[in-house]
Amino acid sequence: MNWRSEVRRFVLEDVGFGDVTTRAVLPPRKASAVITAQEACVVAGLREACEAFHVHGAHPRALVKDGGRAGAGAVVLKVHGEAWALLASERTALNLLMRMSGIATATMDLTSLVHAVNPKARVAATRKTAPGLREFDKRAVELGGGWPHRTGLFDAILIKDNHLKVVPLDEALRRAKKTGLRVEVEVETVPQARIAAEAGVDMVLLDNMRPALAARAFTAVKRLSPKTLVEVSGGLTRRNIARYAKCADLLSVGALTHSVKAIDFSMDLTPD
């Protein structure tokens, strides 16, 4: 996916056959605007916001870097151009900035909780993203210090419970290893984790295990195959993620992208 063309599509989708309000009430006039963070956050999406303003020929300038922190009241971007151009791109720029900064901020928050217990573990994204926004959601996770994980169904193998309703685990693993792709298998019990580790998979996903059981599975996997990565997933939140940090290399959190809390940003325009 070309992210620039996607941002352009978002802007043009919003404008449709024309911004009827601006056409009706504004004379041709140059203007400047500032975008301000209304709450402390990790900023993500400035690259995309700038591209949204470029669509109509405006001239944006980011004042912080993507992945940097901003306090409440901080100006993160300035833009100059025709007043109609600024207003035509405003909503798309803010929407991307709000969503991506929300994801990055949440990722950084969870990462800090995990690293307080296990500095080597990483918070990871899932495929539970909004259709059409996956590249932006995954980039926001990276900017927040997390790992984007699989892009889609095409770049790595993840054998899940529904696959195993069709084919036995040992056969599924044998077939998967022939592909040459990274192989991960989802397990729900310690014996399944042992089978996966003995088969030499790259990653074992411990799904919906309680912390004590996850710790047992983690130990079993590492004894059999120290290089195999162990991922924990299922119901991880701020309240419990630290309890899993010692028994995982990766902690995947679907809520980072499927239940993101947007960060509040506003744009204020001043006519020249």
Protein backbone atom coordinates (compact mmCIF):
# COMPACT_ATOMS: atom_id res chain seq x y z
CA MET A 1 0.00 0.00 0.00
CA ASN A 2 1.23 3.49 -0.85
CA TRP A 3 0.51 5.54 2.27
CA ARG A 4 0.62 8.85 0.40
CA SER A 5 -2.03 7.78 -2.07
CA GLU A 6 -4.15 6.49 0.82
CA VAL A 7 -3.97 9.83 2.64
CA ARG A 8 -4.88 11.60 -0.59
CA ARG A 9 -7.86 9.27 -0.98
CA PHE A 10 -9.00 10.03 2.56
CA VAL A 11 -8.86 13.79 1.92
CA LEU A 12 -10.71 13.58 -1.39
CA GLU A 13 -13.31 11.27 0.11
CA ASP A 14 -14.10 13.95 2.70
CA VAL A 15 -14.20 16.81 0.15
CA GLY A 16 -16.34 14.87 -2.31
CA PHE A 17 -17.63 17.21 -5.03
CA GLY A 18 -16.53 20.24 -3.00
CA ASP A 19 -16.47 21.88 0.44
CA VAL A 20 -19.84 23.61 0.08
CA THR A 21 -19.51 25.64 3.30
CA THR A 22 -16.15 27.13 2.38
CA ARG A 23 -17.28 27.79 -1.20
CA ALA A 24 -20.35 29.61 0.07
CA VAL A 25 -18.87 31.83 2.78
CA LEU A 26 -15.12 32.36 2.27
CA PRO A 27 -13.47 34.77 -0.17
CA PRO A 28 -10.04 33.83 -1.56
CA ARG A 29 -7.59 34.51 1.23
CA LYS A 30 -4.32 33.21 2.65
CA ALA A 31 -4.25 31.91 6.21
CA SER A 32 -2.07 30.20 8.78
CA ALA A 33 -3.05 27.58 11.33
CA VAL A 34 -1.59 25.73 14.29
CA ILE A 35 -2.43 22.23 15.50
CA THR A 36 -2.25 21.85 19.27
CA ALA A 37 -2.24 18.80 21.52
CA GLN A 38 -4.93 19.19 24.15
CA GLU A 39 -3.43 16.48 26.36
CA ALA A 40 -0.03 14.95 26.99
CA CYS A 41 0.76 12.20 24.48
CA VAL A 42 3.21 10.40 22.24
CA VAL A 43 2.72 12.12 18.90
CA ALA A 44 2.18 9.92 15.85
CA GLY A 45 0.76 10.75 12.44
CA LEU A 46 2.51 14.04 11.74
CA ARG A 47 3.88 12.62 8.49
CA GLU A 48 0.35 11.73 7.44
CA ALA A 49 -1.12 15.03 8.62
CA CYS A 50 1.44 16.96 6.59
CA GLU A 51 0.59 14.89 3.52
CA ALA A 52 -3.11 15.68 4.00
CA PHE A 53 -2.33 19.41 3.78
CA HIS A 54 -0.07 18.87 0.77
CA VAL A 55 -3.04 17.47 -1.17
CA HIS A 56 -4.45 20.98 -1.60
CA GLY A 57 -1.12 22.77 -1.93
CA ALA A 58 -0.75 24.01 1.65
CA HIS A 59 2.65 24.19 3.37
CA PRO A 60 2.83 22.32 6.70
CA ARG A 61 5.76 22.23 9.12
CA ALA A 62 5.96 19.75 11.97
CA LEU A 63 7.43 21.12 15.20
CA VAL A 64 8.04 17.75 16.85
CA LYS A 65 9.02 14.37 15.48
CA ASP A 66 6.72 11.39 15.10
CA GLY A 67 7.30 9.26 18.18
CA GLY A 68 8.19 12.29 20.30
CA ARG A 69 6.30 13.45 23.35
CA ALA A 70 4.10 16.53 23.57
CA GLY A 71 2.58 18.12 26.63
CA ALA A 72 -0.92 19.52 26.90
CA GLY A 73 -1.05 22.80 25.00
CA ALA A 74 1.98 22.07 22.81
CA VAL A 75 1.82 23.17 19.17
CA VAL A 76 2.89 20.19 17.08
CA LEU A 77 2.33 21.49 13.54
CA LYS A 78 2.01 24.80 11.71
CA VAL A 79 0.58 25.18 8.22
CA HIS A 80 0.15 28.05 5.74
CA GLY A 81 -1.78 28.35 2.49
CA GLU A 82 -5.12 29.24 1.05
CA ALA A 83 -7.76 29.31 3.77
CA TRP A 84 -10.00 26.92 1.83
CA ALA A 85 -7.10 24.45 1.45
CA LEU A 86 -6.41 24.40 5.19
CA LEU A 87 -10.07 23.82 5.98
CA ALA A 88 -10.46 21.14 3.29
CA SER A 89 -7.64 19.08 4.81
CA GLU A 90 -8.22 19.84 8.49
CA ARG A 91 -10.49 16.96 9.46
CA THR A 92 -8.50 14.22 7.73
CA ALA A 93 -5.23 15.51 9.19
CA LEU A 94 -6.69 15.67 12.69
CA ASN A 95 -8.41 12.28 12.43
CA LEU A 96 -5.17 10.52 11.53
CA LEU A 97 -3.18 12.44 14.11
CA MET A 98 -5.73 11.74 16.86
CA ARG A 99 -6.02 8.02 16.15
CA MET A 100 -2.33 7.32 15.58
CA SER A 101 -1.26 9.34 18.63
CA GLY A 102 -3.79 7.44 20.72
CA ILE A 103 -2.30 4.13 19.60
CA ALA A 104 1.29 5.30 20.12
CA THR A 105 0.51 6.70 23.56
CA ALA A 106 -1.21 3.50 24.70
CA THR A 107 1.66 1.39 23.32
CA MET A 108 4.27 3.46 25.16
CA ASP A 109 2.23 3.24 28.37
CA LEU A 110 2.02 -0.56 28.25
CA THR A 111 5.66 -0.85 27.22
CA SER A 112 6.74 1.10 30.29
CA LEU A 113 4.75 -1.27 32.52
CA VAL A 114 6.28 -4.33 30.84
CA HIS A 115 9.85 -3.01 30.87
CA ALA A 116 9.63 -2.30 34.59
CA VAL A 117 9.42 -6.09 35.01
CA ASN A 118 11.21 -7.41 31.91
CA PRO A 119 13.22 -4.93 29.79
CA LYS A 120 13.64 -7.51 27.02
CA ALA A 121 9.92 -8.14 26.41
CA ARG A 122 8.01 -6.21 23.76
CA VAL A 123 4.41 -5.12 23.37
CA ALA A 124 3.01 -6.19 20.01
CA ALA A 125 0.08 -5.29 17.79
CA THR A 126 -2.42 -7.71 16.27
CA ARG A 127 -4.46 -7.81 13.06
CA LYS A 128 -7.42 -6.30 14.94
CA THR A 129 -7.15 -3.05 13.03
CA ALA A 130 -9.70 -0.90 11.23
CA PRO A 131 -9.98 -1.99 7.57
CA GLY A 132 -8.01 0.43 5.41
CA LEU A 133 -6.01 1.77 8.35
CA ARG A 134 -3.74 -1.18 9.11
CA GLU A 135 -0.54 0.42 7.83
CA PHE A 136 -1.22 3.57 9.84
CA ASP A 137 -2.22 1.63 12.97
CA LYS A 138 0.86 -0.57 12.81
CA ARG A 139 3.15 2.41 12.25
CA ALA A 140 1.64 4.08 15.31
CA VAL A 141 2.45 1.00 17.39
CA GLU A 142 6.07 1.17 16.22
CA LEU A 143 6.27 4.88 17.04
CA GLY A 144 5.05 4.02 20.54
CA GLY A 145 7.90 1.54 20.97
CA GLY A 146 5.97 -1.63 20.11
CA TRP A 147 6.31 -4.37 17.49
CA PRO A 148 3.86 -4.36 14.55
CA HIS A 149 3.80 -8.19 14.25
CA ARG A 150 2.25 -9.66 11.07
CA THR A 151 1.15 -7.25 8.39
CA GLY A 152 -1.50 -9.67 7.15
CA LEU A 153 -2.15 -13.29 6.32
CA PHE A 154 0.61 -13.37 3.73
CA ASP A 155 3.89 -12.66 5.53
CA ALA A 156 4.05 -15.29 8.29
CA ILE A 157 2.29 -18.47 9.38
CA LEU A 158 0.16 -18.50 12.51
CA ILE A 159 -1.61 -21.80 13.15
CA LYS A 160 -4.71 -21.19 15.26
CA ASP A 161 -7.36 -23.33 16.92
CA ASN A 162 -9.66 -23.28 13.88
CA HIS A 163 -6.86 -24.63 11.69
CA LEU A 164 -6.40 -27.46 14.16
CA LYS A 165 -10.07 -28.40 13.89
CA VAL A 166 -9.29 -29.44 10.30
CA VAL A 167 -5.81 -30.92 10.63
CA PRO A 168 -3.84 -32.33 13.63
CA LEU A 169 -1.15 -30.12 15.17
CA ASP A 170 1.78 -32.34 14.17
CA GLU A 171 0.61 -32.46 10.54
CA ALA A 172 -0.07 -28.72 10.46
CA LEU A 173 3.44 -28.02 11.73
CA ARG A 174 5.01 -30.39 9.19
CA ARG A 175 3.19 -28.66 6.33
CA ALA A 176 3.92 -25.16 7.63
CA LYS A 177 7.66 -25.68 7.97
CA LYS A 178 7.92 -26.51 4.27
CA THR A 179 7.02 -22.93 3.34
CA GLY A 180 10.20 -21.33 4.65
CA LEU A 181 8.16 -18.63 6.37
CA ARG A 182 8.23 -17.78 10.07
CA VAL A 183 6.00 -20.30 11.83
CA GLU A 184 4.02 -19.57 14.96
CA VAL A 185 1.47 -21.83 16.59
CA GLU A 186 -1.27 -20.89 19.03
CA VAL A 187 -1.57 -23.22 22.03
CA GLU A 188 -3.91 -23.44 25.00
CA THR A 189 -2.14 -26.08 27.13
CA VAL A 190 1.36 -26.85 28.32
CA PRO A 191 1.50 -30.18 26.40
CA GLN A 192 0.64 -28.34 23.16
CA ALA A 193 3.38 -25.83 23.92
CA ARG A 194 5.87 -28.68 24.32
CA ILE A 195 4.85 -30.24 20.99
CA ALA A 196 5.31 -26.91 19.22
CA ALA A 197 8.71 -26.33 20.84
CA GLU A 198 9.90 -29.82 19.98
CA ALA A 199 8.88 -29.21 16.37
CA GLY A 200 11.23 -26.22 16.29
CA VAL A 201 8.71 -23.50 15.51
CA ASP A 202 9.86 -19.89 15.58
CA MET A 203 7.17 -18.70 17.97
CA VAL A 204 4.64 -20.18 20.38
CA LEU A 205 1.53 -18.15 21.17
CA LEU A 206 0.05 -18.78 24.63
CA ASP A 207 -3.60 -17.94 24.19
CA ASN A 208 -5.83 -16.87 27.09
CA MET A 209 -3.71 -18.53 29.76
CA ARG A 210 -3.70 -17.40 33.37
CA PRO A 211 -0.31 -16.06 34.54
CA ALA A 212 0.66 -19.21 36.48
CA LEU A 213 -0.13 -21.48 33.53
CA ALA A 214 1.62 -19.15 31.12
CA ALA A 215 4.72 -19.27 33.31
CA ARG A 216 4.71 -23.08 33.20
CA ALA A 217 4.31 -23.09 29.42
CA PHE A 218 7.05 -20.48 29.00
CA THR A 219 9.47 -22.57 31.06
CA ALA A 220 8.59 -25.72 29.11
CA VAL A 221 9.18 -24.04 25.75
CA LYS A 222 12.50 -22.45 26.76
CA ARG A 223 13.85 -25.73 28.16
CA LEU A 224 13.12 -27.54 24.91
CA SER A 225 13.96 -24.73 22.47
CA PRO A 226 15.66 -21.67 24.01
CA LYS A 227 15.56 -19.70 20.75
CA THR A 228 11.80 -20.10 20.28
CA LEU A 229 10.00 -16.88 21.11
CA VAL A 230 6.99 -17.03 23.41
CA GLU A 231 4.07 -14.69 22.83
CA VAL A 232 1.24 -14.14 25.30
CA SER A 233 -2.15 -12.96 24.07
CA GLY A 234 -5.73 -12.67 25.22
CA GLY A 235 -7.27 -10.12 27.55
CA LEU A 236 -4.10 -8.18 28.33
CA THR A 237 -4.73 -4.77 29.92
CA ARG A 238 -2.93 -2.15 31.99
CA ARG A 239 -4.10 -3.97 35.10
CA ASN A 240 -2.62 -7.38 34.32
CA ILE A 241 0.08 -7.03 31.65
CA ALA A 242 2.94 -6.75 34.16
CA ARG A 243 1.95 -10.14 35.61
CA TYR A 244 2.75 -11.74 32.25
CA ALA A 245 5.93 -9.82 31.49
CA LYS A 246 8.32 -12.39 33.00
CA CYS A 247 6.83 -15.29 31.02
CA ALA A 248 6.83 -13.76 27.54
CA ASP A 249 9.08 -12.36 24.85
CA LEU A 250 6.07 -10.67 23.25
CA LEU A 251 2.78 -9.47 24.70
CA SER A 252 0.19 -8.83 22.01
CA VAL A 253 -2.69 -6.48 22.76
CA GLY A 254 -5.61 -6.22 20.36
CA ALA A 255 -7.06 -3.25 22.23
CA LEU A 256 -4.16 -1.08 21.06
CA THR A 257 -5.87 -0.82 17.69
CA HIS A 258 -9.44 -2.10 18.02
CA SER A 259 -10.36 0.08 21.01
CA VAL A 260 -8.04 3.04 20.64
CA LYS A 261 -8.77 6.19 22.67
CA ALA A 262 -8.03 9.12 20.39
CA ILE A 263 -5.85 11.95 21.62
CA ASP A 264 -7.51 15.37 21.44
CA PHE A 265 -5.92 17.77 18.94
CA SER A 266 -7.38 21.03 17.64
CA MET A 267 -6.60 23.35 14.73
CA ASP A 268 -6.90 27.13 15.03
CA LEU A 269 -6.84 29.24 11.88
CA THR A 270 -5.74 32.87 11.55
CA PRO A 271 -6.31 34.80 8.29
CA ASP A 272 -3.24 36.66 6.97
